């Protein structure tokens, strides 16, 4: 079975020309916008209509999929008791799975796809922590385009995340018995959950109270 490759990129406040040069370097021909709100207060060149027109003018396809793959969710059942979006719940939701399937269909048709969101560093963006993980779980090789033009794979990002949250995990695992030892996969899963708590979109207090009352 063929392994498809998917890129991601954060537009930050880059000039359009720099952003396009990064895409061109990796021969991206389709940009999927995964922002829930496709507008930028500090970089209006990435407002939905403007970036769509710019990419079209340069021969790239643009698709907005913020409803399917965005960080903010209108379905309150996808939030946890603490009031933030639970990425594990989202990853099992019908709408999210429809979005992942649309990407897979595009890859099968031969498109070279990059997910676009706002944040420069993918480790603080749902494009990696939610969507990138979802695509990796489907067998895709996910690479995040960095400001210096190099890429970081999803696996490398996971190691960076693990080292942030569990810097002593490797040493500690030597001193626990097998029954209580965590596997590498366990620690990666815990790292995703901690990052979800750090970056997940949070509801206003009155909505949190509604969710807590329903649990």
Protein backbone atom coordinates (compact mmCIF):
# COMPACT_ATOMS: atom_id res chain seq x y z
CA UNK A 1 0.00 0.00 0.00
CA UNK A 2 1.38 3.39 -1.01
CA UNK A 3 2.29 5.81 1.78
CA UNK A 4 1.10 9.30 0.92
CA UNK A 5 2.99 12.40 2.00
CA UNK A 6 1.25 15.47 3.41
CA UNK A 7 2.85 18.80 4.33
CA UNK A 8 1.76 21.49 6.74
CA UNK A 9 2.72 25.14 6.93
CA UNK A 10 1.93 28.12 9.16
CA UNK A 11 1.53 31.43 7.35
CA UNK A 12 2.44 33.59 10.38
CA UNK A 13 2.96 37.16 9.08
CA UNK A 14 5.12 36.15 6.13
CA UNK A 15 4.86 38.07 2.86
CA UNK A 16 2.94 36.08 0.24
CA UNK A 17 6.09 35.68 -1.83
CA UNK A 18 7.98 33.97 0.99
CA UNK A 19 5.01 31.72 1.77
CA UNK A 20 4.72 30.72 -1.89
CA UNK A 21 8.45 30.01 -2.15
CA UNK A 22 8.16 27.55 0.73
CA UNK A 23 5.29 25.76 -1.00
CA UNK A 24 7.08 25.73 -4.34
CA UNK A 25 10.19 24.17 -2.75
CA UNK A 26 8.13 21.09 -1.91
CA UNK A 27 6.07 21.18 -5.13
CA UNK A 28 2.80 21.71 -3.27
CA UNK A 29 -0.11 22.17 -5.66
CA UNK A 30 -3.04 22.18 -3.22
CA UNK A 31 -3.38 24.19 0.00
CA UNK A 32 -6.04 23.14 2.49
CA UNK A 33 -6.94 25.89 4.95
CA UNK A 34 -7.71 24.32 8.34
CA UNK A 35 -8.31 27.59 10.21
CA UNK A 36 -11.68 27.78 11.92
CA UNK A 37 -11.75 31.51 11.19
CA UNK A 38 -10.01 32.14 7.85
CA UNK A 39 -9.01 35.72 8.56
CA UNK A 40 -5.91 37.27 10.09
CA UNK A 41 -5.88 40.48 12.09
CA UNK A 42 -2.13 40.93 11.66
CA UNK A 43 -1.64 39.45 8.19
CA UNK A 44 -4.64 40.37 6.07
CA UNK A 45 -2.94 38.93 2.98
CA UNK A 46 -4.05 35.55 4.38
CA UNK A 47 -7.71 36.42 4.61
CA UNK A 48 -9.63 33.69 2.83
CA UNK A 49 -10.52 35.54 -0.38
CA UNK A 50 -7.09 37.14 -0.71
CA UNK A 51 -5.02 33.99 -0.24
CA UNK A 52 -7.41 32.03 -2.46
CA UNK A 53 -6.93 34.54 -5.26
CA UNK A 54 -3.15 34.71 -4.75
CA UNK A 55 -2.72 30.94 -4.86
CA UNK A 56 -5.03 30.60 -7.86
CA UNK A 57 -2.98 33.23 -9.70
CA UNK A 58 0.12 31.13 -9.05
CA UNK A 59 -1.44 27.87 -10.17
CA UNK A 60 -2.27 26.33 -6.80
CA UNK A 61 -5.61 24.98 -5.66
CA UNK A 62 -7.09 26.35 -2.42
CA UNK A 63 -9.71 24.58 -0.32
CA UNK A 64 -11.23 25.84 2.92
CA UNK A 65 -11.91 23.01 5.37
CA UNK A 66 -12.15 24.89 8.64
CA UNK A 67 -15.54 23.40 9.44
CA UNK A 68 -14.31 19.83 9.11
CA UNK A 69 -10.77 20.23 10.42
CA UNK A 70 -10.70 23.47 12.42
CA UNK A 71 -9.66 23.84 16.06
CA UNK A 72 -12.95 25.40 17.16
CA UNK A 73 -16.00 23.14 17.19
CA UNK A 74 -19.66 24.11 17.30
CA UNK A 75 -20.65 20.70 18.73
CA UNK A 76 -20.50 21.10 22.51
CA UNK A 77 -20.18 17.34 22.99
CA UNK A 78 -16.63 17.65 21.63
CA UNK A 79 -15.54 19.71 24.64
CA UNK A 80 -14.48 18.20 27.95
CA UNK A 81 -15.42 19.15 31.51
CA UNK A 82 -12.58 21.68 31.64
CA UNK A 83 -14.21 23.50 28.73
CA UNK A 84 -11.68 22.96 25.96
CA UNK A 85 -11.92 21.01 22.72
CA UNK A 86 -11.03 17.36 23.26
CA UNK A 87 -8.96 16.39 20.22
CA UNK A 88 -9.52 12.67 20.80
CA UNK A 89 -13.28 13.20 20.66
CA UNK A 90 -12.91 15.36 17.55
CA UNK A 91 -10.78 12.72 15.83
CA UNK A 92 -13.67 10.25 16.15
CA UNK A 93 -16.39 12.68 15.03
CA UNK A 94 -18.15 12.22 11.70
CA UNK A 95 -17.35 15.71 10.42
CA UNK A 96 -13.63 15.39 11.13
CA UNK A 97 -13.49 11.96 9.51
CA UNK A 98 -15.19 13.38 6.42
CA UNK A 99 -12.41 15.98 6.23
CA UNK A 100 -9.68 13.36 6.58
CA UNK A 101 -11.35 11.27 3.89
CA UNK A 102 -11.45 14.26 1.52
CA UNK A 103 -7.71 14.72 1.99
CA UNK A 104 -7.09 11.03 1.35
CA UNK A 105 -9.12 11.21 -1.87
CA UNK A 106 -7.07 14.22 -2.98
CA UNK A 107 -3.83 12.37 -2.28
CA UNK A 108 -5.06 9.36 -4.24
CA UNK A 109 -5.78 11.67 -7.17
CA UNK A 110 -2.16 12.80 -7.08
CA UNK A 111 -2.38 16.20 -5.41
CA UNK A 112 0.60 17.31 -3.34
CA UNK A 113 -1.20 18.78 -0.34
CA UNK A 114 -0.18 21.21 2.39
CA UNK A 115 -2.37 22.02 5.39
CA UNK A 116 -2.32 25.73 6.21
CA UNK A 117 -2.94 27.35 9.56
CA UNK A 118 -1.62 30.43 11.35
CA UNK A 119 1.05 29.40 13.85
CA UNK A 120 4.67 29.37 12.75
CA UNK A 121 5.63 26.43 14.96
CA UNK A 122 3.48 23.34 14.32
CA UNK A 123 3.94 22.08 17.87
CA UNK A 124 1.57 24.79 19.13
CA UNK A 125 -0.97 24.32 16.33
CA UNK A 126 -3.85 21.92 15.90
CA UNK A 127 -2.76 21.31 12.30
CA UNK A 128 -0.11 19.02 13.80
CA UNK A 129 -1.59 17.96 17.14
CA UNK A 130 -5.05 17.13 15.73
CA UNK A 131 -5.02 16.95 11.93
CA UNK A 132 -1.44 15.80 11.45
CA UNK A 133 -1.93 13.02 13.97
CA UNK A 134 -5.17 12.00 12.29
CA UNK A 135 -3.44 11.72 8.93
CA UNK A 136 -0.49 9.86 10.43
CA UNK A 137 -2.94 7.41 11.99
CA UNK A 138 -4.27 6.85 8.45
CA UNK A 139 -0.79 5.89 7.28
CA UNK A 140 0.34 9.24 5.85
CA UNK A 141 3.86 10.60 6.22
CA UNK A 142 3.32 14.09 7.62
CA UNK A 143 6.02 16.77 7.36
CA UNK A 144 5.81 20.32 8.67
CA UNK A 145 7.52 23.07 6.66
CA UNK A 146 9.55 25.30 8.96
CA UNK A 147 10.59 28.92 8.62
CA UNK A 148 14.13 27.95 7.58
CA UNK A 149 12.77 25.91 4.68
CA UNK A 150 13.50 22.54 6.23
CA UNK A 151 10.85 20.12 7.45
CA UNK A 152 10.05 18.36 10.69
CA UNK A 153 8.26 15.03 10.48
CA UNK A 154 5.31 14.23 12.71
CA UNK A 155 7.47 11.64 14.48
CA UNK A 156 10.20 14.22 15.12
CA UNK A 157 7.58 16.62 16.46
CA UNK A 158 6.32 13.88 18.78
CA UNK A 159 9.83 13.41 20.17
CA UNK A 160 10.15 17.16 20.72
CA UNK A 161 6.82 17.15 22.52
CA UNK A 162 7.78 14.12 24.61
CA UNK A 163 11.07 15.71 25.63
CA UNK A 164 9.22 18.86 26.69
CA UNK A 165 6.66 17.14 28.90
CA UNK A 166 8.71 14.14 30.05
CA UNK A 167 12.38 15.19 29.89
CA UNK A 168 13.46 12.42 32.26
CA UNK A 169 11.31 9.64 30.85
CA UNK A 170 14.20 7.68 29.34
CA UNK A 171 16.13 7.60 32.60
CA UNK A 172 13.11 6.93 34.77
CA UNK A 173 12.02 3.98 32.65
CA UNK A 174 15.21 2.18 33.67
CA UNK A 175 14.19 2.13 37.32
CA UNK A 176 10.60 0.92 37.22
CA UNK A 177 9.46 -2.68 37.06
CA UNK A 178 7.99 -4.01 33.83
CA UNK A 179 4.43 -4.06 35.16
CA UNK A 180 4.46 -0.31 35.88
CA UNK A 181 6.60 0.79 32.96
CA UNK A 182 5.07 3.03 30.32
CA UNK A 183 5.80 2.25 26.69
CA UNK A 184 7.06 4.91 24.31
CA UNK A 185 3.61 4.97 22.69
CA UNK A 186 2.00 5.56 26.10
CA UNK A 187 4.20 8.58 26.73
CA UNK A 188 3.57 9.97 23.25
CA UNK A 189 -0.19 9.64 23.85
CA UNK A 190 0.15 11.45 27.18
CA UNK A 191 2.18 14.18 25.45
CA UNK A 192 -0.58 14.70 22.88
CA UNK A 193 -3.13 15.03 25.68
CA UNK A 194 -1.03 17.56 27.56
CA UNK A 195 -0.48 19.58 24.39
CA UNK A 196 -4.22 19.42 23.71
CA UNK A 197 -4.81 20.92 27.16
CA UNK A 198 -2.27 23.67 26.43
CA UNK A 199 -3.53 24.72 22.99
CA UNK A 200 -7.15 23.52 22.76
CA UNK A 201 -9.77 26.20 22.13
CA UNK A 202 -11.59 27.05 25.36
CA UNK A 203 -15.22 28.04 25.77
CA UNK A 204 -16.44 31.04 27.69
CA UNK A 205 -17.35 30.27 31.32
CA UNK A 206 -21.13 30.13 30.78
CA UNK A 207 -20.73 27.41 28.15
CA UNK A 208 -18.34 25.47 30.37
CA UNK A 209 -21.06 25.43 33.03
CA UNK A 210 -23.50 23.95 30.51
CA UNK A 211 -21.07 21.16 29.66
CA UNK A 212 -20.25 20.43 33.29
CA UNK A 213 -23.95 20.23 34.13
CA UNK A 214 -24.50 17.68 31.36
CA UNK A 215 -21.74 15.34 32.56
